[in-house]
Protein backbone atom coordinates (compact mmCIF):
# COMPACT_ATOMS: atom_id res chain seq x y z
CA UNK A 1 -25.12 2.73 -34.81
CA UNK A 2 -26.10 4.17 -31.32
CA UNK A 3 -23.67 4.45 -28.93
CA UNK A 4 -24.93 1.11 -26.20
CA UNK A 5 -24.55 -0.80 -29.62
CA UNK A 6 -21.29 0.11 -30.35
CA UNK A 7 -20.12 -0.26 -26.98
CA UNK A 8 -21.38 -4.00 -26.47
CA UNK A 9 -19.92 -4.75 -29.50
CA UNK A 10 -16.34 -3.26 -28.39
CA UNK A 11 -16.92 -5.49 -25.14
CA UNK A 12 -17.04 -8.68 -26.68
CA UNK A 13 -14.44 -7.30 -29.06
CA UNK A 14 -12.10 -6.66 -26.23
CA UNK A 15 -13.10 -9.52 -24.01
CA UNK A 16 -11.66 -12.16 -26.56
CA UNK A 17 -8.45 -10.41 -25.48
CA UNK A 18 -8.83 -10.54 -21.83
CA UNK A 19 -5.65 -12.02 -21.40
CA UNK A 20 -3.78 -10.58 -23.48
CA UNK A 21 -4.08 -7.10 -22.19
CA UNK A 22 -5.94 -5.64 -19.10
CA UNK A 23 -9.44 -5.59 -19.70
CA UNK A 24 -10.34 -3.75 -15.97
CA UNK A 25 -8.78 -0.62 -17.59
CA UNK A 26 -9.86 2.40 -19.35
CA UNK A 27 -8.40 5.81 -20.42
CA UNK A 28 -8.42 7.75 -17.36
CA UNK A 29 -10.95 10.80 -19.40
CA UNK A 30 -13.55 7.96 -19.55
CA UNK A 31 -12.93 7.22 -15.52
CA UNK A 32 -15.18 8.79 -12.80
CA UNK A 33 -12.97 8.86 -9.59
CA UNK A 34 -14.43 10.38 -6.79
CA UNK A 35 -11.15 10.52 -4.11
CA UNK A 36 -9.07 13.47 -4.95
CA UNK A 37 -5.63 14.79 -3.73
CA UNK A 38 -2.70 11.94 -3.99
CA UNK A 39 -4.88 9.28 -3.11
CA UNK A 40 -7.06 9.84 -6.07
CA UNK A 41 -6.05 7.16 -7.45
CA UNK A 42 -5.09 4.07 -5.61
CA UNK A 43 -7.28 1.74 -3.63
CA UNK A 44 -8.10 2.68 -0.41
CA UNK A 45 -7.52 -1.06 0.46
CA UNK A 46 -4.78 -2.39 -1.56
CA UNK A 47 -3.55 0.71 -3.35
CA UNK A 48 -3.88 -0.80 -6.69
CA UNK A 49 -4.73 1.81 -9.60
CA UNK A 50 -8.52 3.04 -9.45
CA UNK A 51 -8.09 3.22 -13.50
CA UNK A 52 -6.19 0.62 -14.32
CA UNK A 53 -8.70 -1.38 -12.31
CA UNK A 54 -10.96 0.67 -13.33
CA UNK A 55 -14.22 -1.88 -14.71
CA UNK A 56 -14.50 -3.78 -11.60
CA UNK A 57 -14.38 -0.43 -9.44
CA UNK A 58 -17.16 0.39 -6.49
CA UNK A 59 -17.79 3.39 -4.56
CA UNK A 60 -18.52 3.46 -0.42
CA UNK A 61 -18.65 6.90 1.86
CA UNK A 62 -16.29 9.18 -0.30
CA UNK A 63 -13.98 6.19 -1.08
CA UNK A 64 -13.38 3.83 -4.23
CA UNK A 65 -12.46 0.44 -4.20
CA UNK A 66 -10.68 -1.63 -7.03
CA UNK A 67 -13.01 -4.67 -6.33
CA UNK A 68 -15.50 -6.39 -4.70
CA UNK A 69 -12.79 -8.01 -2.96
CA UNK A 70 -11.84 -4.74 -1.37
CA UNK A 71 -15.31 -3.41 -0.88
CA UNK A 72 -16.06 -6.70 1.33
CA UNK A 73 -12.94 -6.27 3.69
CA UNK A 74 -13.43 -2.79 3.84
CA UNK A 75 -17.11 -3.02 5.38
CA UNK A 76 -15.92 -6.09 7.50
CA UNK A 77 -18.65 -8.16 5.80
CA UNK A 78 -21.72 -5.90 6.30
CA UNK A 79 -23.73 -5.69 3.04
CA UNK A 80 -23.41 -1.23 2.16
CA UNK A 81 -26.18 0.20 1.67
CA UNK A 82 -25.16 3.15 -0.32
CA UNK A 83 -22.27 1.51 -2.56
CA UNK A 84 -22.32 2.28 -6.59
CA UNK A 85 -20.93 0.01 -9.08
CA UNK A 86 -18.68 0.72 -12.19
CA UNK A 87 -20.84 -0.30 -15.20
CA UNK A 88 -18.93 -2.21 -17.60
CA UNK A 89 -20.57 -1.33 -20.94
CA UNK A 90 -21.44 2.59 -20.17
CA UNK A 91 -18.28 3.19 -17.21
CA UNK A 92 -20.88 4.92 -15.36
CA UNK A 93 -21.57 4.30 -11.57
CA UNK A 94 -24.33 2.64 -11.10
CA UNK A 95 -26.29 1.54 -7.78
CA UNK A 96 -25.37 -1.46 -6.69
CA UNK A 97 -28.87 -3.03 -5.58
CA UNK A 98 -29.78 -2.18 -9.49
CA UNK A 99 -26.79 -3.90 -11.13
CA UNK A 100 -26.54 -6.93 -12.64
CA UNK A 101 -23.55 -8.92 -11.81
CA UNK A 102 -21.64 -11.77 -13.72
CA UNK A 103 -19.51 -13.72 -11.53
CA UNK A 104 -16.93 -16.50 -12.08
CA UNK A 105 -16.88 -15.60 -16.13
CA UNK A 106 -13.72 -16.40 -17.92
CA UNK A 107 -12.41 -13.18 -18.02
CA UNK A 108 -9.91 -12.19 -15.11
CA UNK A 109 -11.59 -10.25 -12.08
CA UNK A 110 -9.71 -8.39 -9.63
CA UNK A 111 -8.18 -9.21 -6.38
CA UNK A 112 -9.77 -12.44 -6.94
CA UNK A 113 -9.92 -16.00 -9.11
CA UNK A 114 -13.40 -15.66 -8.75
CA UNK A 115 -14.14 -12.55 -11.40
CA UNK A 116 -16.88 -9.85 -11.09
CA UNK A 117 -18.64 -7.10 -13.20
CA UNK A 118 -21.14 -5.65 -13.15
CA UNK A 119 -24.00 -4.21 -15.80
CA UNK A 120 -26.48 -1.73 -15.50
CA UNK A 121 -28.76 -3.88 -18.35
CA UNK A 122 -29.87 -7.24 -17.39
CA UNK A 123 -29.73 -8.04 -21.16
CA UNK A 124 -25.75 -6.89 -21.41
CA UNK A 125 -25.27 -9.22 -18.71
CA UNK A 126 -26.75 -11.96 -20.50
CA UNK A 127 -25.12 -10.90 -23.66
CA UNK A 128 -21.57 -11.39 -21.50
CA UNK A 129 -22.22 -14.73 -20.29
CA UNK A 130 -23.14 -15.81 -23.63
CA UNK A 131 -19.40 -14.68 -24.57
CA UNK A 132 -17.70 -15.28 -21.64
CA UNK A 133 -19.30 -17.72 -19.08
CA UNK A 134 -20.10 -16.83 -15.71
CA UNK A 135 -23.81 -16.39 -13.52
CA UNK A 136 -26.18 -13.22 -13.21
CA UNK A 137 -26.34 -12.73 -10.24
CA UNK A 138 -27.66 -9.59 -7.76
CA UNK A 139 -25.21 -7.52 -5.84
CA UNK A 140 -26.53 -9.05 -2.19
CA UNK A 141 -25.21 -12.83 -3.82
CA UNK A 142 -22.03 -10.98 -5.48
CA UNK A 143 -20.49 -10.16 -2.15
CA UNK A 144 -21.79 -13.76 -0.62
CA UNK A 145 -18.95 -15.27 -3.19
CA UNK A 146 -16.76 -12.40 -2.68
CA UNK A 147 -16.70 -13.59 1.25
CA UNK A 148 -15.10 -17.00 0.10
CA UNK A 149 -11.76 -14.87 -0.25
CA UNK A 150 -11.58 -14.60 3.22
CA UNK A 151 -11.48 -17.59 5.35
CA UNK A 152 -14.24 -16.27 8.16
CA UNK A 153 -12.09 -13.39 9.08
CA UNK A 154 -14.89 -10.77 9.46
CA UNK A 155 -17.65 -13.48 10.77
CA UNK A 156 -17.97 -12.66 15.25
CA UNK A 157 -17.80 -16.27 15.60
CA UNK A 158 -15.04 -16.77 14.40
CA UNK A 159 -12.99 -13.83 14.83
CA UNK A 160 -9.69 -12.65 13.48
CA UNK A 161 -6.64 -14.49 14.60
CA UNK A 162 -4.39 -11.83 15.83
CA UNK A 163 -1.30 -11.25 13.97
CA UNK A 164 1.62 -9.43 15.12
CA UNK A 165 2.29 -5.74 12.50
CA UNK A 166 4.66 -3.42 12.33
CA UNK A 167 3.04 -0.67 14.16
CA UNK A 168 4.41 2.52 12.43
CA UNK A 169 4.62 6.32 14.41
CA UNK A 170 2.13 8.32 12.38
CA UNK A 171 4.99 10.98 11.46
CA UNK A 172 7.51 8.47 10.62
CA UNK A 173 8.36 9.25 6.78
CA UNK A 174 10.57 6.58 4.64
CA UNK A 175 13.95 7.81 4.52
CA UNK A 176 14.12 7.37 0.62
CA UNK A 177 11.47 8.37 -0.39
CA UNK A 178 10.01 10.72 2.22
CA UNK A 179 6.02 9.52 2.33
CA UNK A 180 4.46 9.04 5.37
CA UNK A 181 4.80 5.31 6.02
CA UNK A 182 1.36 5.06 8.22
CA UNK A 183 -0.36 5.68 5.21
CA UNK A 184 0.32 2.62 3.35
CA UNK A 185 -0.18 -0.37 6.01
CA UNK A 186 0.25 -2.64 3.28
CA UNK A 187 2.94 -2.08 1.90
CA UNK A 188 5.30 -1.37 5.18
CA UNK A 189 8.57 -2.52 5.98
CA UNK A 190 11.20 -1.85 8.88
CA UNK A 191 14.76 -1.62 9.67
CA UNK A 192 15.50 -2.89 13.31
CA UNK A 193 18.83 -1.49 14.23
CA UNK A 194 19.73 0.52 16.68
CA UNK A 195 17.24 3.20 15.27
CA UNK A 196 14.21 2.36 13.13
CA UNK A 197 13.35 3.26 9.94
CA UNK A 198 10.33 2.74 8.76
CA UNK A 199 9.69 2.18 4.45
CA UNK A 200 6.69 2.60 2.44
CA UNK A 201 7.91 -0.70 0.20
CA UNK A 202 10.28 -3.80 -0.16
CA UNK A 203 11.60 -1.61 -3.08
CA UNK A 204 12.52 1.34 -0.95
CA UNK A 205 13.72 -0.69 1.90
CA UNK A 206 16.46 -2.66 -0.09
CA UNK A 207 17.57 0.87 -1.56
CA UNK A 208 18.20 1.67 2.19
CA UNK A 209 20.30 -2.08 2.36
CA UNK A 210 22.47 -1.71 -0.42
CA UNK A 211 23.48 2.26 0.34
CA UNK A 212 24.71 1.05 3.79
CA UNK A 213 25.43 -2.52 3.53
CA UNK A 214 23.38 -4.02 5.75
CA UNK A 215 22.48 -7.50 5.73
CA UNK A 216 18.83 -8.83 5.85
CA UNK A 217 18.47 -10.04 9.32
CA UNK A 218 17.28 -6.67 10.75
CA UNK A 219 14.76 -6.31 8.19
CA UNK A 220 11.10 -6.53 8.51
CA UNK A 221 8.31 -6.41 5.88
CA UNK A 222 4.35 -7.13 5.63
CA UNK A 223 2.46 -10.21 4.63
CA UNK A 224 0.16 -8.49 1.77
CA UNK A 225 -2.73 -10.01 2.82
CA UNK A 226 -2.39 -10.05 6.58
CA UNK A 227 -0.42 -7.21 7.28
CA UNK A 228 1.42 -9.61 8.90
CA UNK A 229 4.80 -8.95 10.24
CA UNK A 230 7.53 -11.39 8.63
CA UNK A 231 10.81 -11.21 8.98
CA UNK A 232 12.66 -10.04 5.33
CA UNK A 233 14.73 -13.10 4.91
CA UNK A 234 12.11 -15.59 4.98
CA UNK A 235 9.64 -13.92 3.31
CA UNK A 236 8.56 -14.78 -0.35
CA UNK A 237 8.37 -12.15 -2.75
CA UNK A 238 6.58 -11.19 -6.69
CA UNK A 239 7.88 -9.38 -8.59
CA UNK A 240 6.47 -7.51 -11.98
CA UNK A 241 2.61 -8.14 -10.36
CA UNK A 242 -0.23 -5.52 -11.79
CA UNK A 243 -0.50 -4.63 -8.28
CA UNK A 244 1.46 -1.39 -7.82
CA UNK A 245 2.66 -0.26 -4.59
CA UNK A 246 2.70 4.03 -3.65
CA UNK A 247 5.83 3.82 -5.35
CA UNK A 248 4.85 2.24 -8.21
CA UNK A 249 6.07 -1.53 -9.27
CA UNK A 250 7.04 -3.34 -6.24
CA UNK A 251 8.32 -6.35 -4.39
CA UNK A 252 5.14 -8.12 -2.99
CA UNK A 253 5.60 -10.30 -0.10
CA UNK A 254 3.88 -13.10 1.44
CA UNK A 255 4.83 -15.35 4.59
CA UNK A 256 4.39 -18.50 2.07
CA UNK A 257 5.66 -19.90 -1.23
CA UNK A 258 2.16 -21.35 -2.07
CA UNK A 259 0.24 -17.56 -1.46
CA UNK A 260 3.25 -15.85 -3.46
CA UNK A 261 2.40 -18.21 -6.36
CA UNK A 262 -1.23 -17.90 -5.80
CA UNK A 263 -1.14 -14.22 -5.78
CA UNK A 264 1.20 -14.02 -8.95
CA UNK A 265 -1.29 -16.33 -11.12
CA UNK A 266 -3.86 -13.77 -9.77
CA UNK A 267 -2.61 -10.77 -10.89
CA UNK A 268 0.57 -11.33 -13.59
CA UNK A 269 3.07 -11.51 -12.00
CA UNK A 270 6.54 -12.84 -13.75
CA UNK A 271 8.40 -14.50 -10.63
CA UNK A 272 8.21 -15.81 -7.04
CA UNK A 273 11.72 -15.42 -5.13
CA UNK A 274 12.95 -16.08 -2.16
CA UNK A 275 15.19 -13.09 -0.20
CA UNK A 276 18.50 -14.16 -1.36
CA UNK A 277 17.49 -13.94 -4.61
CA UNK A 278 16.63 -10.25 -4.67
CA UNK A 279 19.70 -8.11 -6.18
CA UNK A 280 20.58 -4.32 -6.35
CA UNK A 281 20.21 -4.68 -10.55
CA UNK A 282 16.68 -5.94 -10.02
CA UNK A 283 15.61 -3.40 -7.29
CA UNK A 284 16.71 -0.89 -9.40
CA UNK A 285 14.37 -2.04 -12.78
CA UNK A 286 11.37 -1.75 -10.84
C-alpha cells in the first residue's frame, strides 16, 4: 500500500473518533516546529501547545500558530503572503495559497467552533468532506471565515474598543515560579497590595494567596480573549480544558459566565466556576 493511501485510511479511521480524542495531536517526531528555545512548543498568540494542536498549525514570519484563528489575530486581518499550513494528511508544511481548506466539518477545530483543516491535494480534501462534512475553500476564503470569530476588532472603520490591561514591567518575575510574566500577556494576574506582584497564571496567583492567607479583593486577572483587567472575585474560570498556560493546566478567566461556557464547549473544559469555588485542593490538583 502506498504511503498516501495508508495515511488517508488512517485519517478516515481517526476522524470517526474525533470527539473521543484530540484529532489535532500528532507524535512529536512527526511535527515540524519552526520556533526554538523555550518558546518552541507555544503558540505566540494564545500559548497553546503546538504539538497538541499540530494539524491546524500555521507559520508566518518565523512564528508558528496553533490555528488559523490565531494567525488571523496575529496578522490583524491582513492576509499574510508567506504563510504555511500543515497538510492534514502528510503533516508537512505547505504554502497556504496552494492548500485546499475544509471549513466547517464535524471534526473539532482549534480556537473556534468552525473547524478548518488544510490539504495539499484536492482529492484528500474532498474525501475528508465526504466523511466529515464541511466545504472546500481556498486560503483567502478560510481566512475570511476565521475573521467571523472576531467582532470586527481589526477594522479601521471599527477600531478596537480600548480596554484596561494589567501593565507588567519587563523585568517582573512570578514570585511562585520565577518566569518573566510580561512574555505571557494573556495569562497575567496581579496582586495589587502594598507592593505589586505579578503572576504568569491564575494558578500561581492562588498559590501565593493561599500561602499568605490573603483575600481575593486585591487580586486581578486577565480576560483570556480580550486581555482586559478583571477583578479576580468577579471573573468566571474554566478548568480542565485542553488549553495550557505557561505552567500547564490553568484556571482560565473570563468576564462573563457565557463566554466561559462557550470556551469550555470549544476546548473540552470540565467545568466553569466562580472565584469563591476555587479551593486550595483544586489548585494543587492542576
